[in-house]
Amino acid sequence: MTLGGLVAAWSAFGGGVEGAGMALGRLLLGLGAKWLIVIVGVFLAIGVWHLPAMAVLAGAAIAAVGLLVATKLWA
């Protein structure tokens, strides 16, 4: 989740000052990249490393909720 957030932030804020359409496009591209990284990580954990599926999915869900709570408390 953290690596996905880093990629999303780098994609969204790494291009400098642009118009609103380009900024929205970069935000959506970063969000898509974030969830792609999360899905690949879950696939690797369950499919390749044979970790328990419920533990991996619960960990990903808790990390997502933690990210939301931290964002809400920060702002």
N, C-alpha and C. Protein backbone atom coordinates (compact mmCIF):
# COMPACT_ATOMS: atom_id res chain seq x y z
N MET A 1 0.84 -1.18 0.00
CA MET A 1 0.00 0.00 0.00
C MET A 1 0.88 1.25 0.00
N THR A 2 1.96 1.20 0.76
CA THR A 2 2.85 2.35 0.82
C THR A 2 3.57 2.57 -0.49
N LEU A 3 4.04 1.50 -1.11
CA LEU A 3 4.70 1.62 -2.41
C LEU A 3 3.73 2.15 -3.46
N GLY A 4 2.50 1.67 -3.42
CA GLY A 4 1.49 2.18 -4.35
C GLY A 4 1.20 3.66 -4.13
N GLY A 5 1.14 4.08 -2.87
CA GLY A 5 0.94 5.49 -2.56
C GLY A 5 2.10 6.36 -3.03
N LEU A 6 3.31 5.83 -2.91
CA LEU A 6 4.49 6.56 -3.37
C LEU A 6 4.45 6.74 -4.89
N VAL A 7 4.10 5.69 -5.60
CA VAL A 7 4.01 5.78 -7.06
C VAL A 7 2.89 6.74 -7.47
N ALA A 8 1.76 6.70 -6.77
CA ALA A 8 0.66 7.60 -7.08
C ALA A 8 1.06 9.05 -6.85
N ALA A 9 1.73 9.32 -5.75
CA ALA A 9 2.15 10.69 -5.46
C ALA A 9 3.20 11.16 -6.46
N TRP A 10 4.12 10.30 -6.81
CA TRP A 10 5.15 10.67 -7.78
C TRP A 10 4.52 10.98 -9.14
N SER A 11 3.55 10.18 -9.52
CA SER A 11 2.88 10.39 -10.80
C SER A 11 2.05 11.66 -10.78
N ALA A 12 1.34 11.89 -9.69
CA ALA A 12 0.43 13.03 -9.63
C ALA A 12 1.15 14.36 -9.48
N PHE A 13 2.22 14.39 -8.71
CA PHE A 13 2.86 15.66 -8.40
C PHE A 13 4.23 15.84 -9.04
N GLY A 14 4.65 14.90 -9.86
CA GLY A 14 5.99 14.97 -10.43
C GLY A 14 6.11 15.75 -11.72
N GLY A 15 5.00 16.20 -12.31
CA GLY A 15 5.05 16.82 -13.63
C GLY A 15 5.12 18.32 -13.64
N GLY A 16 5.15 18.96 -12.51
CA GLY A 16 5.19 20.41 -12.49
C GLY A 16 3.80 21.01 -12.60
N VAL A 17 3.75 22.28 -12.95
CA VAL A 17 2.49 23.01 -13.03
C VAL A 17 1.88 22.78 -14.41
N GLU A 18 0.63 22.32 -14.42
CA GLU A 18 -0.09 22.04 -15.66
C GLU A 18 -1.52 22.57 -15.51
N GLY A 19 -2.29 22.38 -16.55
CA GLY A 19 -3.70 22.74 -16.52
C GLY A 19 -4.50 21.74 -15.69
N ALA A 20 -5.76 22.09 -15.45
CA ALA A 20 -6.61 21.25 -14.61
C ALA A 20 -6.84 19.87 -15.23
N GLY A 21 -7.04 19.81 -16.53
CA GLY A 21 -7.27 18.52 -17.19
C GLY A 21 -6.07 17.60 -17.08
N MET A 22 -4.89 18.15 -17.27
CA MET A 22 -3.66 17.35 -17.16
C MET A 22 -3.43 16.91 -15.72
N ALA A 23 -3.72 17.79 -14.76
CA ALA A 23 -3.56 17.43 -13.35
C ALA A 23 -4.51 16.31 -12.96
N LEU A 24 -5.75 16.38 -13.41
CA LEU A 24 -6.72 15.32 -13.13
C LEU A 24 -6.29 14.02 -13.79
N GLY A 25 -5.80 14.10 -15.00
CA GLY A 25 -5.30 12.90 -15.69
C GLY A 25 -4.16 12.26 -14.94
N ARG A 26 -3.23 13.07 -14.43
CA ARG A 26 -2.10 12.52 -13.67
C ARG A 26 -2.57 11.91 -12.36
N LEU A 27 -3.55 12.53 -11.70
CA LEU A 27 -4.10 11.95 -10.48
C LEU A 27 -4.75 10.59 -10.74
N LEU A 28 -5.53 10.50 -11.81
CA LEU A 28 -6.18 9.23 -12.15
C LEU A 28 -5.17 8.18 -12.57
N LEU A 29 -4.15 8.58 -13.31
CA LEU A 29 -3.09 7.65 -13.70
C LEU A 29 -2.35 7.13 -12.46
N GLY A 30 -2.07 8.01 -11.52
CA GLY A 30 -1.40 7.61 -10.29
C GLY A 30 -2.26 6.68 -9.46
N LEU A 31 -3.56 6.94 -9.39
CA LEU A 31 -4.47 6.08 -8.65
C LEU A 31 -4.54 4.70 -9.29
N GLY A 32 -4.60 4.67 -10.61
CA GLY A 32 -4.61 3.38 -11.31
C GLY A 32 -3.32 2.60 -11.08
N ALA A 33 -2.19 3.30 -11.12
CA ALA A 33 -0.90 2.64 -10.88
C ALA A 33 -0.82 2.11 -9.45
N LYS A 34 -1.35 2.87 -8.50
CA LYS A 34 -1.34 2.44 -7.11
C LYS A 34 -2.09 1.12 -6.94
N TRP A 35 -3.30 1.05 -7.47
CA TRP A 35 -4.09 -0.16 -7.30
C TRP A 35 -3.54 -1.32 -8.11
N LEU A 36 -2.88 -1.04 -9.23
CA LEU A 36 -2.22 -2.10 -9.98
C LEU A 36 -1.08 -2.71 -9.16
N ILE A 37 -0.31 -1.86 -8.48
CA ILE A 37 0.77 -2.34 -7.63
C ILE A 37 0.21 -3.15 -6.46
N VAL A 38 -0.88 -2.69 -5.87
CA VAL A 38 -1.49 -3.42 -4.76
C VAL A 38 -1.99 -4.78 -5.22
N ILE A 39 -2.64 -4.84 -6.37
CA ILE A 39 -3.16 -6.10 -6.89
C ILE A 39 -2.02 -7.06 -7.22
N VAL A 40 -0.96 -6.56 -7.82
CA VAL A 40 0.20 -7.41 -8.12
C VAL A 40 0.83 -7.91 -6.82
N GLY A 41 0.91 -7.06 -5.81
CA GLY A 41 1.45 -7.49 -4.52
C GLY A 41 0.61 -8.56 -3.86
N VAL A 42 -0.70 -8.42 -3.93
CA VAL A 42 -1.59 -9.44 -3.36
C VAL A 42 -1.45 -10.75 -4.15
N PHE A 43 -1.37 -10.65 -5.47
CA PHE A 43 -1.18 -11.85 -6.29
C PHE A 43 0.13 -12.55 -5.95
N LEU A 44 1.21 -11.78 -5.82
CA LEU A 44 2.49 -12.39 -5.46
C LEU A 44 2.44 -13.05 -4.09
N ALA A 45 1.82 -12.38 -3.14
CA ALA A 45 1.76 -12.92 -1.78
C ALA A 45 0.95 -14.21 -1.72
N ILE A 46 -0.18 -14.25 -2.43
CA ILE A 46 -1.04 -15.43 -2.37
C ILE A 46 -0.60 -16.50 -3.36
N GLY A 47 -0.34 -16.09 -4.60
CA GLY A 47 -0.08 -17.06 -5.66
C GLY A 47 1.33 -17.59 -5.72
N VAL A 48 2.30 -16.73 -5.46
CA VAL A 48 3.70 -17.13 -5.62
C VAL A 48 4.31 -17.56 -4.29
N TRP A 49 4.11 -16.76 -3.25
CA TRP A 49 4.73 -17.05 -1.96
C TRP A 49 3.85 -17.92 -1.07
N HIS A 50 2.64 -18.22 -1.52
CA HIS A 50 1.70 -19.11 -0.82
C HIS A 50 1.43 -18.70 0.63
N LEU A 51 1.25 -17.41 0.83
CA LEU A 51 0.86 -16.91 2.14
C LEU A 51 -0.65 -17.11 2.31
N PRO A 52 -1.14 -17.18 3.54
CA PRO A 52 -2.58 -17.39 3.75
C PRO A 52 -3.40 -16.25 3.14
N ALA A 53 -4.39 -16.62 2.34
CA ALA A 53 -5.16 -15.62 1.58
C ALA A 53 -5.90 -14.66 2.51
N MET A 54 -6.53 -15.17 3.56
CA MET A 54 -7.29 -14.29 4.45
C MET A 54 -6.38 -13.29 5.15
N ALA A 55 -5.20 -13.72 5.52
CA ALA A 55 -4.27 -12.81 6.19
C ALA A 55 -3.79 -11.72 5.23
N VAL A 56 -3.52 -12.08 3.99
CA VAL A 56 -3.05 -11.10 3.01
C VAL A 56 -4.15 -10.09 2.69
N LEU A 57 -5.36 -10.59 2.46
CA LEU A 57 -6.47 -9.70 2.15
C LEU A 57 -6.84 -8.81 3.33
N ALA A 58 -6.80 -9.37 4.53
CA ALA A 58 -7.07 -8.57 5.72
C ALA A 58 -5.99 -7.50 5.92
N GLY A 59 -4.75 -7.86 5.69
CA GLY A 59 -3.66 -6.89 5.80
C GLY A 59 -3.80 -5.76 4.80
N ALA A 60 -4.16 -6.09 3.56
CA ALA A 60 -4.36 -5.06 2.55
C ALA A 60 -5.53 -4.16 2.90
N ALA A 61 -6.62 -4.75 3.41
CA ALA A 61 -7.78 -3.95 3.79
C ALA A 61 -7.46 -3.04 4.98
N ILE A 62 -6.75 -3.56 5.96
CA ILE A 62 -6.39 -2.76 7.12
C ILE A 62 -5.44 -1.63 6.73
N ALA A 63 -4.51 -1.92 5.81
CA ALA A 63 -3.60 -0.87 5.34
C ALA A 63 -4.37 0.21 4.59
N ALA A 64 -5.37 -0.16 3.79
CA ALA A 64 -6.17 0.83 3.07
C ALA A 64 -6.97 1.69 4.05
N VAL A 65 -7.57 1.07 5.06
CA VAL A 65 -8.32 1.83 6.06
C VAL A 65 -7.39 2.72 6.86
N GLY A 66 -6.23 2.21 7.21
CA GLY A 66 -5.25 3.03 7.93
C GLY A 66 -4.81 4.24 7.13
N LEU A 67 -4.65 4.06 5.82
CA LEU A 67 -4.30 5.18 4.96
C LEU A 67 -5.40 6.23 4.93
N LEU A 68 -6.64 5.77 4.85
CA LEU A 68 -7.77 6.70 4.87
C LEU A 68 -7.88 7.45 6.19
N VAL A 69 -7.70 6.74 7.29
CA VAL A 69 -7.78 7.39 8.60
C VAL A 69 -6.64 8.39 8.78
N ALA A 70 -5.45 8.00 8.37
CA ALA A 70 -4.31 8.91 8.50
C ALA A 70 -4.50 10.15 7.65
N THR A 71 -5.06 9.99 6.46
CA THR A 71 -5.33 11.14 5.59
C THR A 71 -6.38 12.05 6.21
N LYS A 72 -7.41 11.46 6.79
CA LYS A 72 -8.46 12.25 7.40
C LYS A 72 -7.94 13.01 8.63
N LEU A 73 -7.11 12.39 9.43
CA LEU A 73 -6.57 13.04 10.62
C LEU A 73 -5.53 14.10 10.26
N TRP A 74 -4.84 13.92 9.15
CA TRP A 74 -3.78 14.85 8.75
C TRP A 74 -4.38 16.17 8.28
N ALA A 75 -5.48 16.11 7.54
CA ALA A 75 -6.06 17.31 6.93
C ALA A 75 -6.85 18.13 7.86
